[in-house]
Amino acid sequence: MVSVSDLFCGMGGLSYGFSVQGFDVKGYDINKYSNDIFQINNIGKFEQLNLDYTRVNSITGLTDQLLSVNNNIDSDIIIGGPSCKPWSTVNITKRKKTHPDYGLVESFFRIINNNEPDIFLMENVPPIKNDGYYLRCINNIRKKYHVSNLEVSYDQFGAATKRIRLITVGFKNRSPLEFIFKLIEEKHPPLTVRDAFNTIKDIKRGSLDHEWPNLKTINKYKKYYDEGKYGWYKLEWDKPAPSFGNVMKTYILHPEEERVVSVREVMTIMGFPKKFIFPKYMGHTKKYQMIADVVSPKFSEICAKILKEMI
């Protein structure tokens, strides 16, 4: 069985797609909830990461030692989504070198360089592609890999959201263009919010993560929705959802009801099946945040299917 290591795996959006396609998956993350999520959803193995933010080069902003993995990662494929916060449009405070997560992309490529998997795949936000830091990482890895990247929108691959991401892929012994072309061929008409919500209309509030906080401050931000402020949306039935972050930080409203969308509704928009669940002890904020950071499993399953065919 082909082995896959998922770095910065979070709730397992990338991992889940590869697991469904029959790969032997192991996730790595600092998040204490990831282990239980991996176990209850039968995604694969999991190992806790230790991050050290104390050894940062103040001149370059690069992190000298951010990632420490107890065992050597010996996998055929390494995938991952290092934190996008330094380049995210939603993040308007600490950006790029001023953000403590800035060095995680370099950590990802350091592991690729040290362990030399046959294939790697990294997901991040599009603005990173013009960052000199990312470009240096790519140039360095080209000594060992054929590398290419592509911007994708998850709504074109089965998820009801227009979240756009940059996918960087590298192959050790062949061009990645075959993968890119096959990925483009997989595109299809987007799903709408209505399409997504129809799949969970039988779920009652309080079950299968169909839960939401009773916020009393929604009307306080009415002007944000009227003005079309970025990140504050009332979803429309017959369109894919726009890309959005943590629902507890910028309220994302249901198309008809005067409430924020539920955890299950956001999971469904991202493409998670009904059987995928969070541990019951997790609070709303943590669940919403993990979904805000996740890769659509609809997209990752297509990537896994293509790689399996190529292998």
Protein backbone atom coordinates (compact mmCIF):
# COMPACT_ATOMS: atom_id res chain seq x y z
CA MET A 1 0.00 0.00 0.00
CA VAL A 2 1.28 3.47 -0.90
CA SER A 3 2.07 5.53 2.20
CA VAL A 4 1.11 9.20 2.60
CA SER A 5 2.19 11.66 5.30
CA ASP A 6 0.02 14.75 5.80
CA LEU A 7 1.86 17.62 7.48
CA PHE A 8 -0.21 20.27 9.30
CA CYS A 9 -3.18 17.97 8.75
CA GLY A 10 -5.71 19.78 10.97
CA MET A 11 -9.07 18.00 10.80
CA GLY A 12 -7.87 15.89 7.90
CA GLY A 13 -9.35 17.38 4.75
CA LEU A 14 -6.36 16.32 2.67
CA SER A 15 -5.89 13.06 4.56
CA TYR A 16 -9.51 12.01 4.25
CA GLY A 17 -9.51 12.13 0.45
CA PHE A 18 -6.37 10.00 0.29
CA SER A 19 -7.75 7.58 2.86
CA VAL A 20 -10.96 7.11 0.86
CA GLN A 21 -8.82 6.24 -2.17
CA GLY A 22 -7.03 3.50 -0.26
CA PHE A 23 -3.74 5.15 0.70
CA ASP A 24 -2.06 4.40 4.03
CA VAL A 25 -2.29 7.81 5.71
CA LYS A 26 -0.56 9.33 8.70
CA GLY A 27 -1.24 12.88 9.86
CA TYR A 28 1.00 15.29 11.77
CA ASP A 29 -0.20 18.41 13.56
CA ILE A 30 0.13 20.49 16.72
CA ASN A 31 -3.66 20.59 17.19
CA LYS A 32 -4.69 18.47 20.17
CA TYR A 33 -8.06 17.61 18.60
CA SER A 34 -6.62 16.09 15.43
CA ASN A 35 -5.86 12.71 16.98
CA ASP A 36 -9.46 12.10 18.05
CA ILE A 37 -10.80 13.35 14.72
CA PHE A 38 -8.53 10.93 12.87
CA GLN A 39 -9.57 8.05 15.10
CA ILE A 40 -13.35 8.49 15.10
CA ASN A 41 -13.41 9.00 11.33
CA ASN A 42 -11.00 6.14 10.57
CA ILE A 43 -8.69 8.36 8.54
CA GLY A 44 -5.40 6.83 9.59
CA LYS A 45 -2.63 7.20 12.15
CA PHE A 46 -1.67 10.47 13.80
CA GLU A 47 1.40 11.92 15.51
CA GLN A 48 1.58 15.07 17.58
CA LEU A 49 3.96 17.83 16.46
CA ASN A 50 6.02 20.11 18.67
CA LEU A 51 6.55 23.66 17.46
CA ASP A 52 9.29 25.90 18.74
CA TYR A 53 8.65 29.59 18.07
CA THR A 54 11.67 30.75 20.08
CA ARG A 55 14.38 30.25 17.43
CA VAL A 56 13.49 32.84 14.83
CA ASN A 57 16.00 34.73 12.71
CA SER A 58 14.98 38.36 13.23
CA ILE A 59 16.79 39.50 10.08
CA THR A 60 15.17 37.23 7.50
CA GLY A 61 12.01 36.34 9.39
CA LEU A 62 12.66 32.67 8.63
CA THR A 63 12.25 30.14 11.38
CA ASP A 64 15.40 28.26 12.32
CA GLN A 65 13.58 25.38 13.93
CA LEU A 66 9.78 25.22 13.84
CA LEU A 67 9.06 21.60 13.20
CA SER A 68 10.24 18.61 15.21
CA VAL A 69 8.93 15.18 14.27
CA ASN A 70 9.84 12.32 16.61
CA ASN A 71 10.34 9.75 13.85
CA ASN A 72 11.76 10.14 10.38
CA ILE A 73 8.97 10.53 7.82
CA ASP A 74 9.48 7.72 5.34
CA SER A 75 6.50 7.99 2.97
CA ASP A 76 5.99 7.60 -0.76
CA ILE A 77 3.96 10.83 -0.86
CA ILE A 78 4.07 13.86 1.44
CA ILE A 79 1.15 16.28 1.40
CA GLY A 80 0.26 19.24 3.56
CA GLY A 81 -1.18 22.67 4.06
CA PRO A 82 1.18 24.88 6.11
CA SER A 83 -0.61 27.75 7.80
CA CYS A 84 -1.84 30.32 5.28
CA LYS A 85 -2.32 33.05 7.90
CA PRO A 86 0.79 35.06 6.91
CA TRP A 87 -0.67 35.52 3.40
CA SER A 88 -4.42 35.28 4.01
CA THR A 89 -6.63 38.17 2.87
CA VAL A 90 -8.76 37.76 6.01
CA ASN A 91 -5.70 38.36 8.20
CA ILE A 92 -5.26 42.13 8.41
CA THR A 93 -2.92 42.35 11.43
CA LYS A 94 0.32 40.33 11.41
CA ARG A 95 1.28 39.42 7.87
CA LYS A 96 4.18 37.69 6.14
CA LYS A 97 7.42 37.95 8.15
CA THR A 98 5.65 39.45 11.17
CA HIS A 99 3.46 36.37 11.59
CA PRO A 100 4.86 33.50 13.75
CA ASP A 101 3.63 30.91 11.21
CA TYR A 102 5.76 32.39 8.42
CA GLY A 103 8.44 29.72 8.70
CA LEU A 104 6.11 26.72 8.39
CA VAL A 105 6.29 26.68 4.59
CA GLU A 106 10.08 26.41 4.81
CA SER A 107 9.62 23.59 7.36
CA PHE A 108 7.41 21.73 4.88
CA PHE A 109 10.04 21.93 2.14
CA ARG A 110 12.83 21.04 4.56
CA ILE A 111 11.05 17.77 5.30
CA ILE A 112 10.59 17.16 1.56
CA ASN A 113 14.28 17.77 1.00
CA ASN A 114 15.36 15.53 3.91
CA ASN A 115 13.00 12.61 3.24
CA GLU A 116 12.77 12.74 -0.57
CA PRO A 117 9.30 11.24 -1.18
CA ASP A 118 8.43 10.30 -4.75
CA ILE A 119 5.71 12.98 -4.85
CA PHE A 120 4.72 15.99 -2.75
CA LEU A 121 1.63 18.20 -2.81
CA MET A 122 1.19 21.45 -0.88
CA GLU A 123 -1.94 23.58 -0.51
CA ASN A 124 -1.95 27.28 0.37
CA VAL A 125 -3.53 30.61 -0.57
CA PRO A 126 -2.77 32.13 -4.02
CA PRO A 127 -0.94 35.26 -2.74
CA ILE A 128 1.94 33.06 -1.57
CA LYS A 129 3.00 32.36 -5.17
CA ASN A 130 4.48 35.87 -5.51
CA ASP A 131 6.25 35.81 -2.16
CA GLY A 132 10.03 35.69 -2.44
CA TYR A 133 10.19 33.29 0.49
CA TYR A 134 8.00 30.70 -1.23
CA LEU A 135 9.86 31.18 -4.52
CA ARG A 136 13.21 30.51 -2.82
CA CYS A 137 11.80 27.30 -1.33
CA ILE A 138 10.59 26.21 -4.79
CA ASN A 139 13.91 27.06 -6.46
CA ASN A 140 15.82 25.07 -3.86
CA ILE A 141 13.61 22.00 -4.20
CA ARG A 142 13.94 22.04 -8.01
CA LYS A 143 17.38 20.47 -7.57
CA LYS A 144 15.57 17.23 -6.77
CA TYR A 145 12.01 17.69 -8.12
CA HIS A 146 10.05 18.71 -11.18
CA VAL A 147 7.63 21.29 -9.74
CA SER A 148 4.47 22.99 -10.98
CA ASN A 149 1.52 24.79 -9.44
CA LEU A 150 -2.10 25.54 -10.25
CA GLU A 151 -4.84 27.73 -8.79
CA VAL A 152 -8.04 25.79 -8.16
CA SER A 153 -11.51 26.67 -6.91
CA TYR A 154 -13.16 23.97 -4.81
CA ASP A 155 -16.58 24.57 -6.36
CA GLN A 156 -15.22 23.09 -9.60
CA PHE A 157 -14.44 19.80 -7.88
CA GLY A 158 -17.64 18.96 -6.01
CA ALA A 159 -17.70 21.37 -3.04
CA ALA A 160 -20.24 24.18 -2.78
CA THR A 161 -17.69 26.91 -2.11
CA LYS A 162 -15.66 29.22 -4.34
CA ARG A 163 -12.63 28.92 -2.11
CA ILE A 164 -9.55 29.40 -4.32
CA ARG A 165 -6.27 27.73 -3.41
CA LEU A 166 -2.80 27.32 -4.87
CA ILE A 167 -1.72 23.69 -5.29
CA THR A 168 2.03 23.06 -5.62
CA VAL A 169 3.04 19.58 -6.76
CA GLY A 170 6.44 18.00 -7.22
CA PHE A 171 7.49 14.71 -8.81
CA LYS A 172 10.93 13.28 -8.29
CA ASN A 173 11.30 11.34 -11.54
CA ARG A 174 8.68 12.73 -13.93
CA SER A 175 6.93 15.90 -15.01
CA PRO A 176 3.91 16.94 -12.90
CA LEU A 177 2.10 18.21 -16.01
CA GLU A 178 0.22 14.93 -16.45
CA PHE A 179 -1.22 15.41 -12.96
CA ILE A 180 -2.10 19.04 -13.71
CA PHE A 181 -3.86 18.15 -16.98
CA LYS A 182 -5.82 15.32 -15.36
CA LEU A 183 -6.85 17.66 -12.55
CA ILE A 184 -8.14 20.23 -15.05
CA GLU A 185 -10.13 17.48 -16.81
CA GLU A 186 -11.91 16.67 -13.54
CA LYS A 187 -13.62 20.07 -13.36
CA HIS A 188 -17.42 20.10 -13.53
CA PRO A 189 -20.33 22.55 -12.97
CA PRO A 190 -20.36 23.94 -9.42
CA LEU A 191 -22.80 22.95 -6.69
CA THR A 192 -24.92 25.58 -4.97
CA VAL A 193 -25.64 26.14 -1.30
CA ARG A 194 -29.09 24.69 -1.97
CA ASP A 195 -27.54 21.54 -3.46
CA ALA A 196 -25.34 21.11 -0.40
CA PHE A 197 -28.02 21.79 2.21
CA ASN A 198 -30.49 19.44 0.52
CA THR A 199 -28.18 16.55 1.41
CA ILE A 200 -28.56 17.26 5.14
CA LYS A 201 -32.17 18.50 5.36
CA ASP A 202 -33.14 15.41 7.37
CA ILE A 203 -30.66 16.18 10.18
CA LYS A 204 -32.15 17.72 13.32
CA ARG A 205 -30.44 20.45 15.30
CA GLY A 206 -28.12 18.97 17.90
CA SER A 207 -27.19 15.82 15.99
CA LEU A 208 -24.23 15.14 13.68
CA ASP A 209 -22.71 18.57 14.41
CA HIS A 210 -25.81 20.39 13.13
CA GLU A 211 -25.43 23.00 15.83
CA TRP A 212 -24.85 26.72 16.02
CA PRO A 213 -24.53 29.39 18.72
CA ASN A 214 -27.49 31.64 19.51
CA LEU A 215 -25.73 34.90 18.79
CA LYS A 216 -27.51 38.07 19.89
CA THR A 217 -25.20 40.47 18.05
CA ILE A 218 -26.03 39.56 14.43
CA ASN A 219 -28.02 42.77 13.81
CA LYS A 220 -25.10 44.80 15.11
CA TYR A 221 -23.21 43.99 11.92
CA LYS A 222 -26.06 44.47 9.45
CA LYS A 223 -24.19 47.28 7.70
CA TYR A 224 -21.34 44.90 6.91
CA TYR A 225 -23.66 42.68 4.89
CA ASP A 226 -25.33 45.67 3.22
CA GLU A 227 -21.95 47.15 2.26
CA GLY A 228 -20.57 43.80 1.11
CA LYS A 229 -17.65 43.89 3.53
CA TYR A 230 -15.18 41.10 2.79
CA GLY A 231 -15.76 38.06 4.99
CA TRP A 232 -19.31 38.98 6.11
CA TYR A 233 -21.88 37.14 4.01
CA LYS A 234 -25.49 36.09 3.91
CA LEU A 235 -25.39 32.98 1.76
CA GLU A 236 -27.45 32.77 -1.41
CA TRP A 237 -29.35 29.59 -2.22
CA ASP A 238 -28.49 29.32 -5.89
CA LYS A 239 -24.79 30.12 -5.78
CA PRO A 240 -21.76 28.41 -4.28
CA ALA A 241 -20.73 29.94 -0.96
CA PRO A 242 -17.93 32.50 -1.11
CA SER A 243 -14.72 31.64 0.70
CA PHE A 244 -14.97 32.54 4.38
CA GLY A 245 -13.15 32.03 7.65
CA ASN A 246 -14.18 31.23 11.20
CA VAL A 247 -17.96 31.72 11.46
CA MET A 248 -17.54 32.88 15.07
CA LYS A 249 -15.29 35.75 13.97
CA THR A 250 -17.08 36.96 10.84
CA TYR A 251 -20.68 35.79 10.93
CA ILE A 252 -21.81 33.80 7.90
CA LEU A 253 -25.62 33.83 7.79
CA HIS A 254 -28.08 31.19 6.65
CA PRO A 255 -29.88 32.13 3.38
CA GLU A 256 -33.31 32.37 5.09
CA GLU A 257 -33.07 31.92 8.84
CA GLU A 258 -31.79 34.70 11.09
CA ARG A 259 -28.78 32.78 12.37
CA VAL A 260 -25.25 31.81 11.46
CA VAL A 261 -24.77 28.61 9.49
CA SER A 262 -24.29 25.49 11.58
CA VAL A 263 -21.10 23.50 11.95
CA ARG A 264 -22.63 20.72 9.83
CA GLU A 265 -23.75 23.18 7.15
CA VAL A 266 -20.22 24.55 6.83
CA MET A 267 -18.80 21.02 6.73
CA THR A 268 -21.27 20.16 3.97
CA ILE A 269 -20.37 23.27 2.00
CA MET A 270 -16.74 22.13 2.15
CA GLY A 271 -17.70 18.68 0.91
CA PHE A 272 -17.57 16.49 4.03
CA PRO A 273 -20.02 13.56 4.13
CA LYS A 274 -22.61 13.23 6.90
CA LYS A 275 -20.67 10.41 8.53
CA PHE A 276 -17.67 12.69 9.20
CA ILE A 277 -18.00 14.06 12.73
CA PHE A 278 -16.14 16.03 15.39
CA PRO A 279 -15.56 14.78 18.95
CA LYS A 280 -18.60 15.74 21.02
CA TYR A 281 -16.52 17.59 23.63
CA MET A 282 -15.29 20.23 21.15
CA GLY A 283 -16.83 23.70 21.30
CA HIS A 284 -18.30 25.70 18.41
CA THR A 285 -15.34 28.05 18.01
CA LYS A 286 -12.78 25.24 17.69
CA LYS A 287 -14.93 23.36 15.17
CA TYR A 288 -15.56 26.44 13.04
CA GLN A 289 -11.85 27.32 13.09
CA MET A 290 -10.73 23.88 11.98
CA ILE A 291 -13.19 23.95 9.09
CA ALA A 292 -11.98 27.43 8.12
CA ASP A 293 -8.46 26.01 7.70
CA VAL A 294 -9.42 22.77 5.94
CA VAL A 295 -8.82 21.49 2.41
CA SER A 296 -12.01 20.26 0.75
CA PRO A 297 -12.07 16.45 0.90
CA LYS A 298 -13.88 16.47 -2.45
CA PHE A 299 -10.82 18.04 -3.99
CA SER A 300 -8.30 15.91 -2.11
CA GLU A 301 -10.06 12.71 -3.14
CA ILE A 302 -9.77 13.72 -6.81
CA CYS A 303 -6.05 14.45 -6.30
CA ALA A 304 -5.62 11.05 -4.64
CA LYS A 305 -7.50 9.27 -7.42
CA ILE A 306 -5.31 10.84 -10.10
CA LEU A 307 -2.10 10.02 -8.24
CA LYS A 308 -3.24 6.43 -7.72
CA GLU A 309 -3.85 6.08 -11.45
CA MET A 310 -0.45 7.58 -12.26
CA ILE A 311 1.37 5.37 -9.77
